[in-house]
Amino acid sequence: MTSFEFNEKYKDYLEVGHYGLAINIPEVVQYLDEEFKELIKIPFFKYSQIKLKFNMARFYCEPIEVDTYRIESNINQIVKEWEKTLS
């Protein structure tokens, strides 16, 4: 699945006016797809941006009770492993 397909799949949870997932690394998309199976069960869950900023993951969503630190850390680890395969 691509990041575009991910955003289409979860468009009902994407905040209006935001682009959603902007990391098109298959392993990241797959990880987030698994995470979202639980996140979408949280009442009023919405996401707005999932991106790399200065080579660090940023996950913006509501409600604030979501453990974004854990998700960002996992994305960072996946990206780090992915980058090793490029060299």
N, C-alpha and C. Protein backbone atom coordinates (compact mmCIF):
# COMPACT_ATOMS: atom_id res chain seq x y z
N MET A 1 0.85 -1.18 0.00
CA MET A 1 0.00 0.00 0.00
C MET A 1 0.89 1.24 0.00
N THR A 2 0.51 2.23 -0.75
CA THR A 2 1.24 3.50 -0.79
C THR A 2 0.66 4.46 0.25
N SER A 3 1.34 5.56 0.48
CA SER A 3 0.81 6.57 1.40
C SER A 3 -0.51 7.15 0.86
N PHE A 4 -0.61 7.29 -0.46
CA PHE A 4 -1.85 7.78 -1.06
C PHE A 4 -3.00 6.82 -0.77
N GLU A 5 -2.76 5.52 -0.95
CA GLU A 5 -3.79 4.52 -0.68
C GLU A 5 -4.16 4.48 0.80
N PHE A 6 -3.17 4.66 1.66
CA PHE A 6 -3.41 4.73 3.10
C PHE A 6 -4.36 5.89 3.43
N ASN A 7 -4.05 7.06 2.90
CA ASN A 7 -4.89 8.23 3.16
C ASN A 7 -6.30 8.04 2.61
N GLU A 8 -6.40 7.35 1.51
CA GLU A 8 -7.73 7.07 0.95
C GLU A 8 -8.48 6.09 1.86
N LYS A 9 -7.79 5.08 2.33
CA LYS A 9 -8.41 4.07 3.20
C LYS A 9 -8.94 4.70 4.49
N TYR A 10 -8.18 5.64 5.04
CA TYR A 10 -8.54 6.26 6.32
C TYR A 10 -9.05 7.69 6.17
N LYS A 11 -9.59 8.02 5.00
CA LYS A 11 -10.04 9.39 4.73
C LYS A 11 -11.13 9.85 5.70
N ASP A 12 -11.91 8.94 6.25
CA ASP A 12 -12.95 9.33 7.22
C ASP A 12 -12.35 9.83 8.53
N TYR A 13 -11.06 9.55 8.75
CA TYR A 13 -10.38 9.95 9.99
C TYR A 13 -9.37 11.07 9.75
N LEU A 14 -9.25 11.52 8.52
CA LEU A 14 -8.31 12.59 8.17
C LEU A 14 -8.99 13.94 8.37
N GLU A 15 -8.33 14.80 9.15
CA GLU A 15 -8.88 16.14 9.40
C GLU A 15 -8.97 16.90 8.08
N VAL A 16 -10.07 17.61 7.91
CA VAL A 16 -10.30 18.40 6.70
C VAL A 16 -9.18 19.42 6.52
N GLY A 17 -8.69 19.51 5.31
CA GLY A 17 -7.65 20.49 4.98
C GLY A 17 -6.24 20.01 5.23
N HIS A 18 -6.06 18.76 5.62
CA HIS A 18 -4.72 18.23 5.89
C HIS A 18 -4.40 17.11 4.92
N TYR A 19 -3.09 16.83 4.78
CA TYR A 19 -2.66 15.86 3.77
C TYR A 19 -2.47 14.45 4.30
N GLY A 20 -2.40 14.26 5.60
CA GLY A 20 -2.29 12.92 6.15
C GLY A 20 -0.89 12.36 6.11
N LEU A 21 -0.78 11.11 5.70
CA LEU A 21 0.51 10.42 5.67
C LEU A 21 1.34 10.90 4.49
N ALA A 22 2.56 11.35 4.77
CA ALA A 22 3.45 11.84 3.72
C ALA A 22 4.77 11.07 3.70
N ILE A 23 4.77 9.88 4.26
CA ILE A 23 5.96 9.02 4.25
C ILE A 23 5.62 7.81 3.38
N ASN A 24 6.22 7.75 2.22
CA ASN A 24 5.87 6.67 1.29
C ASN A 24 6.92 5.55 1.33
N ILE A 25 7.17 5.04 2.52
CA ILE A 25 8.05 3.88 2.73
C ILE A 25 7.13 2.72 3.06
N PRO A 26 7.13 1.66 2.26
CA PRO A 26 6.17 0.58 2.46
C PRO A 26 6.10 0.02 3.88
N GLU A 27 7.25 -0.11 4.53
CA GLU A 27 7.26 -0.65 5.89
C GLU A 27 6.58 0.30 6.89
N VAL A 28 6.72 1.59 6.67
CA VAL A 28 6.05 2.58 7.53
C VAL A 28 4.54 2.52 7.30
N VAL A 29 4.14 2.46 6.04
CA VAL A 29 2.72 2.40 5.72
C VAL A 29 2.10 1.15 6.33
N GLN A 30 2.78 0.03 6.22
CA GLN A 30 2.27 -1.23 6.77
C GLN A 30 2.15 -1.14 8.29
N TYR A 31 3.17 -0.59 8.94
CA TYR A 31 3.12 -0.41 10.40
C TYR A 31 1.94 0.45 10.80
N LEU A 32 1.76 1.58 10.12
CA LEU A 32 0.67 2.49 10.47
C LEU A 32 -0.69 1.88 10.18
N ASP A 33 -0.78 1.08 9.15
CA ASP A 33 -2.04 0.40 8.85
C ASP A 33 -2.44 -0.49 10.03
N GLU A 34 -1.48 -1.19 10.60
CA GLU A 34 -1.75 -2.03 11.78
C GLU A 34 -2.13 -1.17 12.98
N GLU A 35 -1.42 -0.09 13.21
CA GLU A 35 -1.72 0.82 14.33
C GLU A 35 -3.12 1.41 14.19
N PHE A 36 -3.48 1.79 12.98
CA PHE A 36 -4.77 2.45 12.77
C PHE A 36 -5.95 1.52 13.02
N LYS A 37 -5.73 0.23 12.92
CA LYS A 37 -6.82 -0.71 13.23
C LYS A 37 -7.31 -0.52 14.65
N GLU A 38 -6.42 -0.12 15.55
CA GLU A 38 -6.79 0.16 16.94
C GLU A 38 -7.13 1.64 17.15
N LEU A 39 -6.37 2.52 16.52
CA LEU A 39 -6.59 3.95 16.72
C LEU A 39 -7.98 4.39 16.30
N ILE A 40 -8.49 3.82 15.22
CA ILE A 40 -9.81 4.25 14.75
C ILE A 40 -10.93 3.81 15.67
N LYS A 41 -10.62 2.97 16.63
CA LYS A 41 -11.61 2.57 17.64
C LYS A 41 -11.76 3.62 18.75
N ILE A 42 -10.81 4.54 18.83
CA ILE A 42 -10.84 5.60 19.84
C ILE A 42 -11.88 6.64 19.42
N PRO A 43 -12.82 6.94 20.31
CA PRO A 43 -13.84 7.94 19.95
C PRO A 43 -13.20 9.27 19.52
N PHE A 44 -13.70 9.82 18.44
CA PHE A 44 -13.28 11.11 17.89
C PHE A 44 -11.85 11.13 17.36
N PHE A 45 -11.26 9.97 17.11
CA PHE A 45 -9.90 9.94 16.57
C PHE A 45 -9.87 10.60 15.19
N LYS A 46 -8.88 11.48 15.01
CA LYS A 46 -8.59 12.13 13.73
C LYS A 46 -7.08 12.30 13.63
N TYR A 47 -6.56 12.19 12.41
CA TYR A 47 -5.15 12.48 12.20
C TYR A 47 -5.05 13.58 11.15
N SER A 48 -3.97 14.33 11.20
CA SER A 48 -3.82 15.42 10.24
C SER A 48 -2.54 15.30 9.43
N GLN A 49 -1.43 14.97 10.10
CA GLN A 49 -0.15 14.86 9.40
C GLN A 49 0.67 13.73 10.02
N ILE A 50 1.30 12.97 9.15
CA ILE A 50 2.30 12.00 9.56
C ILE A 50 3.44 12.20 8.58
N LYS A 51 4.56 12.70 9.09
CA LYS A 51 5.63 13.11 8.18
C LYS A 51 6.99 12.98 8.85
N LEU A 52 8.03 13.17 8.06
CA LEU A 52 9.38 13.30 8.57
C LEU A 52 9.74 14.77 8.54
N LYS A 53 10.18 15.28 9.66
CA LYS A 53 10.60 16.68 9.76
C LYS A 53 12.00 16.68 10.36
N PHE A 54 12.95 17.19 9.62
CA PHE A 54 14.35 17.15 10.02
C PHE A 54 14.77 15.71 10.33
N ASN A 55 14.30 14.79 9.50
CA ASN A 55 14.61 13.36 9.58
C ASN A 55 14.07 12.69 10.84
N MET A 56 13.06 13.26 11.45
CA MET A 56 12.41 12.67 12.62
C MET A 56 10.91 12.61 12.35
N ALA A 57 10.30 11.51 12.77
CA ALA A 57 8.87 11.33 12.55
C ALA A 57 8.04 12.30 13.39
N ARG A 58 6.96 12.77 12.80
CA ARG A 58 5.98 13.60 13.49
C ARG A 58 4.61 13.02 13.17
N PHE A 59 3.83 12.79 14.23
CA PHE A 59 2.51 12.19 14.11
C PHE A 59 1.53 13.12 14.82
N TYR A 60 0.70 13.81 14.06
CA TYR A 60 -0.24 14.77 14.62
C TYR A 60 -1.65 14.20 14.55
N CYS A 61 -2.29 14.12 15.72
CA CYS A 61 -3.64 13.56 15.77
C CYS A 61 -4.37 14.06 17.01
N GLU A 62 -5.64 13.75 17.04
CA GLU A 62 -6.50 13.99 18.20
C GLU A 62 -7.17 12.67 18.53
N PRO A 63 -7.48 12.36 19.74
CA PRO A 63 -7.29 13.13 20.96
C PRO A 63 -5.85 13.04 21.46
N ILE A 64 -5.51 13.89 22.40
CA ILE A 64 -4.14 13.97 22.89
C ILE A 64 -3.73 12.74 23.69
N GLU A 65 -4.68 11.90 24.04
CA GLU A 65 -4.37 10.70 24.81
C GLU A 65 -3.64 9.64 23.98
N VAL A 66 -3.61 9.79 22.68
CA VAL A 66 -2.91 8.84 21.81
C VAL A 66 -1.41 8.96 22.10
N ASP A 67 -0.74 7.81 22.22
CA ASP A 67 0.68 7.77 22.52
C ASP A 67 1.50 8.06 21.26
N THR A 68 1.56 9.31 20.88
CA THR A 68 2.26 9.69 19.66
C THR A 68 3.77 9.46 19.78
N TYR A 69 4.30 9.58 20.98
CA TYR A 69 5.74 9.36 21.17
C TYR A 69 6.12 7.94 20.78
N ARG A 70 5.32 6.96 21.19
CA ARG A 70 5.59 5.56 20.86
C ARG A 70 5.52 5.35 19.35
N ILE A 71 4.50 5.90 18.73
CA ILE A 71 4.32 5.74 17.28
C ILE A 71 5.48 6.41 16.53
N GLU A 72 5.83 7.62 16.93
CA GLU A 72 6.95 8.32 16.28
C GLU A 72 8.25 7.54 16.46
N SER A 73 8.48 7.00 17.63
CA SER A 73 9.70 6.21 17.88
C SER A 73 9.75 4.98 16.99
N ASN A 74 8.62 4.32 16.84
CA ASN A 74 8.58 3.13 15.99
C ASN A 74 8.80 3.50 14.52
N ILE A 75 8.20 4.59 14.08
CA ILE A 75 8.43 5.05 12.70
C ILE A 75 9.91 5.38 12.50
N ASN A 76 10.51 6.08 13.46
CA ASN A 76 11.93 6.43 13.35
C ASN A 76 12.79 5.18 13.21
N GLN A 77 12.47 4.14 13.97
CA GLN A 77 13.24 2.89 13.89
C GLN A 77 13.07 2.24 12.52
N ILE A 78 11.85 2.22 12.02
CA ILE A 78 11.58 1.64 10.70
C ILE A 78 12.34 2.40 9.62
N VAL A 79 12.30 3.73 9.68
CA VAL A 79 13.01 4.56 8.70
C VAL A 79 14.52 4.30 8.78
N LYS A 80 15.04 4.20 9.98
CA LYS A 80 16.47 3.94 10.17
C LYS A 80 16.86 2.60 9.52
N GLU A 81 16.06 1.57 9.73
CA GLU A 81 16.33 0.26 9.13
C GLU A 81 16.19 0.32 7.61
N TRP A 82 15.20 1.05 7.12
CA TRP A 82 14.99 1.21 5.69
C TRP A 82 16.18 1.91 5.04
N GLU A 83 16.70 2.95 5.71
CA GLU A 83 17.83 3.69 5.16
C GLU A 83 19.08 2.81 5.04
N LYS A 84 19.23 1.85 5.95
CA LYS A 84 20.38 0.92 5.89
C LYS A 84 20.34 0.10 4.61
N THR A 85 19.13 -0.20 4.14
CA THR A 85 19.02 -1.01 2.93
C THR A 85 19.40 -0.24 1.67
N LEU A 86 19.44 1.09 1.78
CA LEU A 86 19.77 1.92 0.63
C LEU A 86 21.27 2.06 0.41
N SER A 87 22.05 1.78 1.46
CA SER A 87 23.50 1.97 1.32
C SER A 87 24.23 0.71 0.96
